[in-house]
Protein backbone atom coordinates (compact mmCIF):
# COMPACT_ATOMS: atom_id res chain seq x y z
CA MET A 1 -0.09 0.08 -0.04
CA GLY A 2 2.04 2.86 -1.17
CA GLU A 3 1.14 6.34 0.20
CA GLY A 4 0.26 7.30 -3.46
CA THR A 5 -2.41 4.46 -4.18
CA THR A 6 -4.18 4.94 -1.03
CA THR A 7 -6.14 8.10 0.94
CA ARG A 8 -4.78 8.06 4.44
CA ALA A 9 -8.32 7.45 5.69
CA GLU A 10 -8.23 4.26 3.37
CA TRP A 11 -4.59 3.40 5.11
CA VAL A 12 -5.82 4.15 8.43
CA ALA A 13 -9.16 2.18 7.57
CA ALA A 14 -7.41 -0.69 6.29
CA THR A 15 -4.81 -0.95 9.17
CA LEU A 16 -7.53 -0.89 11.83
CA ALA A 17 -9.40 -3.51 10.09
CA ARG A 18 -6.34 -5.95 10.39
CA TYR A 19 -4.89 -4.88 13.64
CA GLU A 20 -7.95 -4.01 16.08
CA GLN A 21 -8.81 -7.61 17.50
CA PRO A 22 -5.46 -8.68 17.59
CA LEU A 23 -4.24 -5.82 19.35
CA VAL A 24 -7.38 -5.76 22.03
CA ARG A 25 -6.56 -9.49 23.06
CA TYR A 26 -2.68 -8.64 23.37
CA THR A 27 -3.36 -5.48 25.25
CA ALA A 28 -6.05 -7.19 27.66
CA ARG A 29 -3.50 -9.24 29.02
CA PHE A 30 -1.59 -6.14 30.19
CA CYS A 31 -4.45 -4.07 31.21
CA GLY A 32 -6.48 -6.75 32.74
CA ASP A 33 -9.91 -6.31 30.88
CA ALA A 34 -11.33 -5.65 27.72
CA ASP A 35 -12.53 -2.18 27.78
CA SER A 36 -9.32 -0.81 29.20
CA ALA A 37 -7.51 -2.58 26.50
CA ARG A 38 -10.12 -1.03 24.13
CA ASP A 39 -9.30 2.13 25.21
CA VAL A 40 -5.52 1.29 25.00
CA VAL A 41 -6.23 0.47 21.36
CA GLN A 42 -8.13 3.31 20.26
CA ASP A 43 -5.86 5.82 21.64
CA ALA A 44 -2.88 3.68 19.74
CA PHE A 45 -5.09 4.38 16.55
CA LEU A 46 -5.59 8.01 17.32
CA ARG A 47 -2.05 8.53 17.62
CA LEU A 48 -1.53 6.56 14.15
CA CYS A 49 -3.81 9.35 12.67
CA ALA A 50 -1.50 11.99 14.01
CA ALA A 51 1.41 10.19 12.95
CA ASP A 52 3.53 10.54 9.73
CA ARG A 53 2.36 8.12 7.65
CA SER A 54 5.83 7.79 5.98
CA ALA A 55 7.50 6.99 8.95
CA VAL A 56 5.19 4.45 10.10
CA GLU A 57 3.80 2.76 6.30
CA GLY A 58 5.43 -0.44 6.21
CA HIS A 59 5.96 -1.57 9.67
CA GLU A 60 2.44 -0.49 11.21
CA ALA A 61 2.38 -4.02 13.29
CA GLY A 62 5.44 -3.40 15.20
CA TRP A 63 4.65 0.39 15.73
CA LEU A 64 1.08 -0.28 16.46
CA TYR A 65 2.28 -3.14 19.15
CA THR A 66 4.74 -1.16 21.13
CA VAL A 67 2.62 2.07 21.33
CA CYS A 68 -0.14 -0.77 22.81
CA ARG A 69 2.34 -2.48 25.04
CA ASN A 70 3.89 1.00 26.33
CA ARG A 71 0.33 2.45 26.80
CA ALA A 72 -0.79 -0.57 28.39
CA LEU A 73 2.22 -0.55 30.95
CA ASP A 74 1.35 2.85 31.70
CA VAL A 75 -2.48 1.79 32.57
CA ARG A 76 -1.22 -1.29 34.35
CA ARG A 77 1.18 0.55 36.52
CA LYS A 78 -1.47 3.42 37.32
CA GLU A 79 -3.97 1.37 38.00
CA GLY A 80 -2.08 -0.90 40.09
CA ARG A 81 -2.66 -4.18 37.79
CA MET A 82 0.04 -6.77 38.13
CA ASP A 83 -1.90 -9.34 36.91
CA PRO A 84 -2.44 -10.61 33.65
CA LEU A 85 -5.90 -11.40 32.16
CA PRO A 86 -6.59 -15.12 32.62
CA GLU A 87 -6.47 -17.02 29.04
CA ALA A 88 -10.52 -17.91 29.44
CA LYS A 89 -11.37 -14.26 29.48
CA VAL A 90 -9.05 -13.27 26.61
CA ALA A 91 -10.94 -15.91 24.45
CA ARG A 92 -14.44 -14.00 25.30
CA ILE A 93 -12.84 -10.87 23.55
CA ARG A 94 -12.10 -12.64 20.34
CA SER A 95 -14.18 -11.84 17.69
CA GLU A 96 -14.27 -15.06 15.91
CA SER A 97 -14.91 -17.64 18.14
CA PRO A 98 -14.59 -21.39 17.27
CA GLY A 99 -17.77 -22.98 15.33
CA PRO A 100 -19.87 -25.87 17.02
CA GLY A 101 -18.45 -28.02 14.34
CA ASP A 102 -14.90 -28.28 15.67
CA GLN A 103 -13.92 -31.31 16.68
CA ALA A 104 -13.36 -32.21 20.42
CA ALA A 105 -10.05 -34.10 20.44
CA GLN A 106 -8.84 -30.24 18.53
CA ARG A 107 -10.26 -28.63 21.37
CA GLN A 108 -8.28 -30.65 24.15
CA GLU A 109 -5.16 -30.55 22.56
CA HIS A 110 -5.32 -26.62 21.97
CA ARG A 111 -6.35 -26.57 25.76
CA ARG A 112 -3.62 -29.02 26.53
CA ALA A 113 -1.36 -26.25 24.74
CA LEU A 114 -2.42 -23.23 26.18
CA ARG A 115 -1.79 -24.69 29.31
CA ILE A 116 1.77 -25.44 28.46
CA ILE A 117 2.49 -21.92 27.01
CA GLU A 118 0.91 -20.30 30.15
CA SER A 119 3.49 -22.32 32.42
CA LEU A 120 6.38 -20.66 30.42
CA PRO A 121 7.77 -17.52 32.09
CA ASP A 122 5.99 -14.19 31.07
CA ASP A 123 8.67 -13.13 28.73
CA GLN A 124 8.76 -16.74 26.87
CA GLN A 125 4.89 -16.60 26.81
CA GLU A 126 4.73 -12.87 25.76
CA ALA A 127 7.36 -13.71 22.57
CA PHE A 128 5.54 -16.86 21.96
CA ARG A 129 2.39 -15.18 21.38
CA LEU A 130 3.53 -12.09 19.07
CA LYS A 131 5.00 -14.52 17.20
CA PHE A 132 2.60 -17.27 16.72
CA GLN A 133 -0.93 -15.85 17.72
CA ASP A 134 -0.10 -12.08 16.34
CA GLN A 135 2.25 -13.32 13.57
CA LEU A 136 5.10 -10.41 14.16
CA THR A 137 8.62 -11.00 12.73
CA TYR A 138 11.45 -11.29 15.12
CA ARG A 139 12.11 -7.40 14.29
CA GLU A 140 8.76 -6.30 14.98
CA ILE A 141 8.90 -8.76 18.27
CA SER A 142 12.32 -7.12 19.38
CA GLN A 143 11.22 -3.55 18.76
CA VAL A 144 7.89 -4.15 21.05
CA MET A 145 9.18 -6.15 23.70
CA LYS A 146 12.60 -3.82 23.77
CA VAL A 147 15.10 -6.90 23.55
CA SER A 148 17.29 -8.10 20.80
CA LEU A 149 16.87 -10.02 17.89
CA GLY A 150 19.00 -12.79 19.88
CA THR A 151 16.82 -12.44 22.73
CA VAL A 152 13.66 -12.82 20.82
CA SER A 153 15.29 -15.87 19.24
CA ALA A 154 16.38 -17.60 22.18
CA LEU A 155 13.01 -16.93 24.12
CA LEU A 156 11.15 -18.45 21.42
CA THR A 157 13.73 -21.55 20.88
CA ARG A 158 13.27 -22.57 24.74
CA GLY A 159 9.67 -21.97 24.69
CA LEU A 160 9.29 -23.96 21.61
CA ALA A 161 11.63 -26.75 23.19
CA GLU A 162 9.48 -26.84 26.66
CA VAL A 163 6.37 -26.85 24.52
CA ARG A 164 7.45 -29.49 22.75
CA ARG A 165 8.90 -31.48 25.38
CA GLN A 166 5.91 -31.51 27.50
CA LEU A 167 3.57 -32.58 24.64
CA VAL A 168 6.03 -35.32 24.01
CA SER A 169 6.25 -36.13 27.94
CA GLY A 170 2.28 -35.93 28.10
CA ASP A 171 1.94 -38.43 24.89
CA LEU A 172 4.16 -40.73 26.51
CA ALA A 173 2.35 -40.64 29.65
CA GLN A 174 -1.02 -41.36 28.14
CA GLU A 175 0.40 -44.21 25.97
CA VAL A 176 1.82 -45.70 29.07
CA GLY A 177 -1.60 -45.54 30.64
CA ARG A 178 -3.16 -47.17 27.98
């Protein structure tokens, strides 16, 4: 989307459509509730409207996630909320919920994987969600979390290894139990 091909309003609208729900979900973990998360995301989009388009275009995800993270941390500090939002509440925020035709086995595996991810250290969880849930690049994750690319790589490598280890050890335990 080059600056010459779309109006500023079209660019902001397209960016809003693409990132609003993932940003609300991401930000809710910091804020502790959906309303505060929506306020933070709204503030980020107001800042996007005021920002120099040429400075943001092409890396909207990293810019928006960074603004939301910083603002959400400010809100959390201000309101004294230090507990992240439980995954069950985050699931209710999502606009697209799984349909009734989902298979029970897939839901069970999904819940199991989420429990494993929730057991990871906070920084690994954040990097993991930014990469696999929100599909940010390593560079964007590095910018959002204010860590080096090497740290992002290490966090994801350790997180994936632990998820894999627990999934395999759980499968082996189930096999032995049969």
